[in-house]
C-alpha atoms as a PDB file:
ATOM      1  CA  MET A   1       3.101  12.059 -11.603  1.00  0.00           C
ATOM      2  CA  ILE A   2       1.596  10.423 -14.703  1.00  0.00           C
ATOM      3  CA  ASN A   3       4.576  11.437 -16.841  1.00  0.00           C
ATOM      4  CA  TRP A   4       7.068  10.199 -14.251  1.00  0.00           C
ATOM      5  CA  ILE A   5       5.354   6.802 -14.074  1.00  0.00           C
ATOM      6  CA  THR A   6       5.152   6.371 -17.843  1.00  0.00           C
ATOM      7  CA  ASP A   7       8.754   7.531 -18.376  1.00  0.00           C
ATOM      8  CA  THR A   8      10.043   5.168 -15.689  1.00  0.00           C
ATOM      9  CA  ILE A   9       8.233   2.179 -17.212  1.00  0.00           C
ATOM     10  CA  ALA A  10       9.281   3.132 -20.754  1.00  0.00           C
ATOM     11  CA  ASN A  11      12.955   3.600 -19.835  1.00  0.00           C
ATOM     12  CA  MET A  12      13.426   0.801 -17.280  1.00  0.00           C
ATOM     13  CA  GLY A  13      10.907  -1.840 -18.383  1.00  0.00           C
ATOM     14  CA  LEU A  14      10.240  -4.560 -15.819  1.00  0.00           C
ATOM     15  CA  ALA A  15      12.813  -3.050 -13.474  1.00  0.00           C
ATOM     16  CA  GLY A  16      10.819   0.178 -13.604  1.00  0.00           C
ATOM     17  CA  VAL A  17       7.614  -1.658 -12.688  1.00  0.00           C
ATOM     18  CA  PHE A  18       9.393  -3.294  -9.756  1.00  0.00           C
ATOM     19  CA  PHE A  19      10.872   0.018  -8.602  1.00  0.00           C
ATOM     20  CA  LEU A  20       7.574   1.912  -8.832  1.00  0.00           C
ATOM     21  CA  MET A  21       5.613  -0.739  -6.956  1.00  0.00           C
ATOM     22  CA  PHE A  22       8.321  -0.945  -4.302  1.00  0.00           C
ATOM     23  CA  ALA A  23       8.180   2.842  -3.930  1.00  0.00           C
ATOM     24  CA  GLU A  24       4.364   2.735  -3.856  1.00  0.00           C
ATOM     25  CA  ASN A  25       4.487   0.518  -0.783  1.00  0.00           C
ATOM     26  CA  VAL A  26       7.201   2.502   0.988  1.00  0.00           C
ATOM     27  CA  PHE A  27       5.643   5.871   0.120  1.00  0.00           C
ATOM     28  CA  PRO A  28       1.877   5.166  -0.170  1.00  0.00           C
ATOM     29  CA  PRO A  29       0.945   8.433  -1.973  1.00  0.00           C
ATOM     30  CA  ILE A  30       2.306   6.799  -5.155  1.00  0.00           C
ATOM     31  CA  PRO A  31      -0.774   4.816  -6.275  1.00  0.00           C
ATOM     32  CA  SER A  32      -0.602   1.385  -7.861  1.00  0.00           C
ATOM     33  CA  GLU A  33      -3.828   2.300  -9.667  1.00  0.00           C
ATOM     34  CA  MET A  34      -1.643   4.437 -11.939  1.00  0.00           C
ATOM     35  CA  ILE A  35       1.367   2.156 -12.211  1.00  0.00           C
ATOM     36  CA  MET A  36       0.074  -1.280 -13.158  1.00  0.00           C
ATOM     37  CA  PRO A  37      -2.428  -0.240 -15.885  1.00  0.00           C
ATOM     38  CA  PHE A  38       0.457   1.472 -17.701  1.00  0.00           C
ATOM     39  CA  ALA A  39       2.515  -1.701 -17.324  1.00  0.00           C
ATOM     40  CA  GLY A  40      -0.377  -3.654 -18.854  1.00  0.00           C
ATOM     41  CA  PHE A  41      -0.576  -1.175 -21.702  1.00  0.00           C
ATOM     42  CA  SER A  42       3.156  -1.586 -22.371  1.00  0.00           C
ATOM     43  CA  ALA A  43       2.724  -5.368 -22.348  1.00  0.00           C
ATOM     44  CA  ALA A  44      -0.135  -5.123 -24.845  1.00  0.00           C
ATOM     45  CA  ARG A  45       2.183  -3.147 -27.125  1.00  0.00           C
ATOM     46  CA  GLY A  46       4.832  -5.860 -26.900  1.00  0.00           C
ATOM     47  CA  GLN A  47       7.232  -3.734 -24.842  1.00  0.00           C
ATOM     48  CA  MET A  48       7.341  -6.224 -21.967  1.00  0.00           C
ATOM     49  CA  SER A  49       5.881  -9.548 -20.890  1.00  0.00           C
ATOM     50  CA  LEU A  50       2.405  -9.433 -19.335  1.00  0.00           C
ATOM     51  CA  VAL A  51       3.301 -12.169 -16.832  1.00  0.00           C
ATOM     52  CA  GLY A  52       6.642 -10.474 -16.196  1.00  0.00           C
ATOM     53  CA  ALA A  53       4.914  -7.167 -15.423  1.00  0.00           C
ATOM     54  CA  ILE A  54       2.615  -8.851 -12.905  1.00  0.00           C
ATOM     55  CA  ILE A  55       5.505 -10.697 -11.247  1.00  0.00           C
ATOM     56  CA  ALA A  56       7.611  -7.529 -11.070  1.00  0.00           C
ATOM     57  CA  GLY A  57       4.708  -5.651  -9.512  1.00  0.00           C
ATOM     58  CA  VAL A  58       4.069  -8.360  -6.932  1.00  0.00           C
ATOM     59  CA  LEU A  59       7.763  -8.594  -6.004  1.00  0.00           C
ATOM     60  CA  GLY A  60       8.005  -4.834  -5.544  1.00  0.00           C
ATOM     61  CA  THR A  61       4.880  -4.875  -3.396  1.00  0.00           C
ATOM     62  CA  VAL A  62       5.971  -7.744  -1.168  1.00  0.00           C
ATOM     63  CA  ILE A  63       9.465  -6.342  -0.599  1.00  0.00           C
ATOM     64  CA  GLY A  64       8.067  -2.860   0.094  1.00  0.00           C
ATOM     65  CA  ASN A  65       5.664  -4.269   2.675  1.00  0.00           C
ATOM     66  CA  ALA A  66       8.435  -6.389   4.179  1.00  0.00           C
ATOM     67  CA  ILE A  67      10.230  -3.212   5.233  1.00  0.00           C
ATOM     68  CA  TRP A  68       7.214  -2.052   7.257  1.00  0.00           C
ATOM     69  CA  PHE A  69       6.410  -5.496   8.637  1.00  0.00           C
ATOM     70  CA  GLU A  70       9.939  -6.443   9.665  1.00  0.00           C
ATOM     71  CA  GLY A  71      10.632  -2.974  11.081  1.00  0.00           C
ATOM     72  CA  ALA A  72       7.507  -3.091  13.242  1.00  0.00           C
ATOM     73  CA  ARG A  73       8.235  -6.676  14.271  1.00  0.00           C
ATOM     74  CA  ALA A  74      11.816  -5.857  15.287  1.00  0.00           C
ATOM     75  CA  PHE A  75      10.672  -2.872  17.348  1.00  0.00           C
ATOM     76  CA  GLY A  76       8.220  -5.078  19.216  1.00  0.00           C
ATOM     77  CA  LEU A  77       4.930  -4.670  20.996  1.00  0.00           C
ATOM     78  CA  ARG A  78       6.333  -3.720  24.398  1.00  0.00           C
ATOM     79  CA  ARG A  79       8.574  -0.922  23.137  1.00  0.00           C
ATOM     80  CA  THR A  80       5.889   0.320  20.776  1.00  0.00           C
ATOM     81  CA  ARG A  81       3.366   0.453  23.628  1.00  0.00           C
ATOM     82  CA  ALA A  82       5.853   2.305  25.865  1.00  0.00           C
ATOM     83  CA  LEU A  83       6.611   4.778  23.084  1.00  0.00           C
ATOM     84  CA  LEU A  84       2.930   5.443  22.457  1.00  0.00           C
ATOM     85  CA  ALA A  85       2.259   5.870  26.167  1.00  0.00           C
ATOM     86  CA  ARG A  86       4.876   8.610  26.258  1.00  0.00           C
ATOM     87  CA  PHE A  87       4.612  10.298  22.864  1.00  0.00           C
ATOM     88  CA  GLY A  88       1.439   8.943  21.259  1.00  0.00           C
ATOM     89  CA  LYS A  89      -0.688  11.979  22.055  1.00  0.00           C
ATOM     90  CA  TYR A  90       1.677  14.166  20.044  1.00  0.00           C
ATOM     91  CA  ILE A  91       1.461  12.080  16.883  1.00  0.00           C
ATOM     92  CA  GLY A  92      -2.215  11.179  17.179  1.00  0.00           C
ATOM     93  CA  ILE A  93      -1.702   7.453  17.746  1.00  0.00           C
ATOM     94  CA  GLU A  94      -2.225   6.212  21.290  1.00  0.00           C
ATOM     95  CA  GLU A  95      -2.196   2.849  23.023  1.00  0.00           C
ATOM     96  CA  GLN A  96      -5.927   2.546  22.428  1.00  0.00           C
ATOM     97  CA  ASP A  97      -5.353   2.752  18.660  1.00  0.00           C
ATOM     98  CA  LEU A  98      -2.781  -0.029  18.902  1.00  0.00           C
ATOM     99  CA  ASP A  99      -5.227  -2.123  20.905  1.00  0.00           C
ATOM    100  CA  GLU A 100      -7.910  -1.587  18.241  1.00  0.00           C
ATOM    101  CA  ALA A 101      -5.539  -2.577  15.410  1.00  0.00           C
ATOM    102  CA  GLN A 102      -4.470  -5.648  17.336  1.00  0.00           C
ATOM    103  CA  ALA A 103      -8.102  -6.582  18.050  1.00  0.00           C
ATOM    104  CA  THR A 104      -9.002  -6.179  14.349  1.00  0.00           C
ATOM    105  CA  LEU A 105      -6.217  -8.504  13.272  1.00  0.00           C
ATOM    106  CA  GLN A 106      -7.098 -11.005  15.980  1.00  0.00           C
ATOM    107  CA  ARG A 107     -10.793 -10.860  15.076  1.00  0.00           C
ATOM    108  CA  MET A 108     -10.407 -11.015  11.301  1.00  0.00           C
ATOM    109  CA  GLY A 109      -7.224 -13.028  11.354  1.00  0.00           C
ATOM    110  CA  PRO A 110      -5.659 -13.656   7.937  1.00  0.00           C
ATOM    111  CA  TRP A 111      -8.478 -11.816   6.128  1.00  0.00           C
ATOM    112  CA  ALA A 112      -7.291  -8.455   7.478  1.00  0.00           C
ATOM    113  CA  VAL A 113      -3.977  -8.792   5.631  1.00  0.00           C
ATOM    114  CA  PHE A 114      -5.372 -10.558   2.553  1.00  0.00           C
ATOM    115  CA  LEU A 115      -8.242  -8.119   1.943  1.00  0.00           C
ATOM    116  CA  GLY A 116      -6.140  -5.137   2.985  1.00  0.00           C
ATOM    117  CA  ARG A 117      -3.929  -5.622  -0.072  1.00  0.00           C
ATOM    118  CA  MET A 118      -6.875  -4.702  -2.288  1.00  0.00           C
ATOM    119  CA  MET A 119      -8.012  -1.671  -0.281  1.00  0.00           C
ATOM    120  CA  PRO A 120      -6.527   1.753  -1.110  1.00  0.00           C
ATOM    121  CA  GLY A 121      -5.249   3.578   1.939  1.00  0.00           C
ATOM    122  CA  ILE A 122      -4.474   0.565   4.136  1.00  0.00           C
ATOM    123  CA  ARG A 123      -2.478  -1.652   1.763  1.00  0.00           C
ATOM    124  CA  THR A 124       0.785  -0.630   3.410  1.00  0.00           C
ATOM    125  CA  LEU A 125      -0.526   0.444   6.812  1.00  0.00           C
ATOM    126  CA  ILE A 126      -1.861  -3.027   7.646  1.00  0.00           C
ATOM    127  CA  SER A 127       1.731  -4.313   7.659  1.00  0.00           C
ATOM    128  CA  VAL A 128       2.603  -2.244  10.733  1.00  0.00           C
ATOM    129  CA  PRO A 129       0.158  -3.740  13.257  1.00  0.00           C
ATOM    130  CA  ALA A 130       0.746  -7.155  11.675  1.00  0.00           C
ATOM    131  CA  GLY A 131       4.435  -6.789  12.507  1.00  0.00           C
ATOM    132  CA  ILE A 132       3.830  -5.379  15.963  1.00  0.00           C
ATOM    133  CA  ILE A 133       1.620  -8.280  17.039  1.00  0.00           C
ATOM    134  CA  GLU A 134       4.190 -10.637  15.495  1.00  0.00           C
ATOM    135  CA  MET A 135       1.971 -12.342  12.970  1.00  0.00           C
ATOM    136  CA  PRO A 136       3.769 -15.499  11.769  1.00  0.00           C
ATOM    137  CA  ARG A 137       6.051 -14.614   8.887  1.00  0.00           C
ATOM    138  CA  LEU A 138       4.916 -17.421   6.606  1.00  0.00           C
ATOM    139  CA  GLN A 139       1.282 -16.447   7.082  1.00  0.00           C
ATOM    140  CA  PHE A 140       1.982 -12.760   6.498  1.00  0.00           C
ATOM    141  CA  TYR A 141       4.030 -13.232   3.342  1.00  0.00           C
ATOM    142  CA  VAL A 142       1.743 -15.845   1.796  1.00  0.00           C
ATOM    143  CA  LEU A 143      -1.367 -13.702   2.341  1.00  0.00           C
ATOM    144  CA  THR A 144       0.418 -10.539   1.229  1.00  0.00           C
ATOM    145  CA  THR A 145       1.543 -12.282  -1.966  1.00  0.00           C
ATOM    146  CA  LEU A 146      -1.895 -13.729  -2.710  1.00  0.00           C
ATOM    147  CA  GLY A 147      -3.827 -10.520  -2.045  1.00  0.00           C
ATOM    148  CA  SER A 148      -1.293  -8.398  -3.921  1.00  0.00           C
ATOM    149  CA  SER A 149      -1.285 -10.800  -6.875  1.00  0.00           C
ATOM    150  CA  LEU A 150      -5.050 -10.523  -7.319  1.00  0.00           C
ATOM    151  CA  TRP A 151      -5.020  -6.745  -7.141  1.00  0.00           C
ATOM    152  CA  ILE A 152      -1.977  -6.256  -9.361  1.00  0.00           C
ATOM    153  CA  ALA A 153      -3.128  -8.779 -11.967  1.00  0.00           C
ATOM    154  CA  ALA A 154      -6.519  -7.044 -12.196  1.00  0.00           C
ATOM    155  CA  LEU A 155      -4.942  -3.607 -12.680  1.00  0.00           C
ATOM    156  CA  THR A 156      -2.456  -4.933 -15.240  1.00  0.00           C
ATOM    157  CA  LEU A 157      -5.153  -6.698 -17.241  1.00  0.00           C
ATOM    158  CA  ILE A 158      -7.180  -3.472 -17.347  1.00  0.00           C
ATOM    159  CA  GLY A 159      -4.275  -1.793 -19.131  1.00  0.00           C
ATOM    160  CA  TRP A 160      -3.812  -4.820 -21.390  1.00  0.00           C
ATOM    161  CA  TRP A 161      -7.467  -4.912 -22.448  1.00  0.00           C
ATOM    162  CA  LEU A 162      -7.806  -1.168 -22.987  1.00  0.00           C
ATOM    163  CA  GLU A 163      -4.648  -0.795 -25.087  1.00  0.00           C
ATOM    164  CA  ASP A 164      -5.741   1.581 -27.898  1.00  0.00           C
ATOM    165  CA  ARG A 165      -8.097   3.435 -25.573  1.00  0.00           C
ATOM    166  CA  PHE A 166      -5.346   4.120 -23.064  1.00  0.00           C
ATOM    167  CA  GLY A 167      -5.235   7.769 -24.004  1.00  0.00           C
ATOM    168  CA  VAL A 168      -8.743   8.039 -22.614  1.00  0.00           C
ATOM    169  CA  VAL A 169      -7.630   6.398 -19.356  1.00  0.00           C
ATOM    170  CA  GLU A 170      -4.775   8.845 -19.021  1.00  0.00           C
ATOM    171  CA  THR A 171      -7.134  11.804 -19.337  1.00  0.00           C
ATOM    172  CA  TRP A 172      -9.154  10.690 -16.311  1.00  0.00           C
ATOM    173  CA  LEU A 173      -6.246   9.322 -14.263  1.00  0.00           C
ATOM    174  CA  GLU A 174      -4.341  12.620 -14.346  1.00  0.00           C
ATOM    175  CA  PRO A 175      -7.121  14.607 -12.627  1.00  0.00           C
ATOM    176  CA  LEU A 176      -7.492  11.754 -10.125  1.00  0.00           C
ATOM    177  CA  SER A 177      -3.868  11.931  -9.002  1.00  0.00           C
ATOM    178  CA  LYS A 178      -4.333  15.129  -6.979  1.00  0.00           C
ATOM    179  CA  PRO A 179      -7.535  13.998  -5.221  1.00  0.00           C
ATOM    180  CA  LEU A 180      -5.745  10.752  -4.320  1.00  0.00           C
ATOM    181  CA  LEU A 181      -2.948  12.729  -2.690  1.00  0.00           C
ATOM    182  CA  VAL A 182      -5.495  14.846  -0.810  1.00  0.00           C
ATOM    183  CA  LEU A 183      -7.239  11.677   0.354  1.00  0.00           C
ATOM    184  CA  MET A 184      -3.953  10.236   1.623  1.00  0.00           C
ATOM    185  CA  ALA A 185      -3.281  13.481   3.509  1.00  0.00           C
ATOM    186  CA  LEU A 186      -6.697  13.223   5.167  1.00  0.00           C
ATOM    187  CA  VAL A 187      -6.001   9.607   6.105  1.00  0.00           C
ATOM    188  CA  CYS A 188      -2.765  10.714   7.783  1.00  0.00           C
ATOM    189  CA  LEU A 189      -4.393  13.670   9.571  1.00  0.00           C
ATOM    190  CA  TRP A 190      -7.434  11.765  10.816  1.00  0.00           C
ATOM    191  CA  PRO A 191      -5.601  10.037  13.725  1.00  0.00           C
ATOM    192  CA  ILE A 192      -4.350  13.428  14.923  1.00  0.00           C
ATOM    193  CA  PHE A 193      -7.851  14.887  14.840  1.00  0.00           C
ATOM    194  CA  HIS A 194      -9.228  11.757  16.512  1.00  0.00           C
ATOM    195  CA  ALA A 195      -6.668  12.006  19.349  1.00  0.00           C
ATOM    196  CA  TRP A 196      -7.346  15.735  19.787  1.00  0.00           C
ATOM    197  CA  ARG A 197     -11.085  15.103  20.053  1.00  0.00           C
ATOM    198  CA  ARG A 198     -10.469  12.285  22.528  1.00  0.00           C
ATOM    199  CA  ARG A 199      -8.353  14.563  24.756  1.00  0.00           C
ATOM    200  CA  ARG A 200     -11.045  17.246  24.669  1.00  0.00           C
ATOM    201  CA  ARG A 201     -13.627  14.726  25.859  1.00  0.00           C
ATOM    202  CA  LYS A 202     -11.345  13.626  28.702  1.00  0.00           C
ATOM    203  CA  GLY A 203     -10.638  17.248  29.629  1.00  0.00           C
END
């Protein structure tokens, strides 16, 4: 994965940063923690603009999240609830889970989306319940942009500041890529296990 990320950025420049960050938000197992530091490193070497790398990363992130948000919003709360009532037990996500996500967003309000952009594992997932409960578009996109900008700028600046030591970063990022994928798999499997345990208690 490391080689693919570095080759994409080297060959495509800012377009590569945009593409990778878009893909990271459509397919969460691709971590931004690996993408943006390499973009910062390239900027430090004069291969692209530092500001341009941050903007490209933010644009890719916002558009990637828009797919999840708008898709969930178009599907709607009523149809989603009906679908979960019928098939939720098979995919490990039931109406109760939807109620909990909705309650979290209602309780935390804008902070759930803003802070979620800086939290691995839920950066993309938070867009789904936000769309289902029909969070106002302006609010969603402003908070997504602000939260994503902070996170992406921090990661990019890490790569910029490290520059000559980036070989050291690569040596510890490569071993981390597999554990990150394992962690994402566990995050996906947890709802299934949770639903199975819930059914056992009811039975």
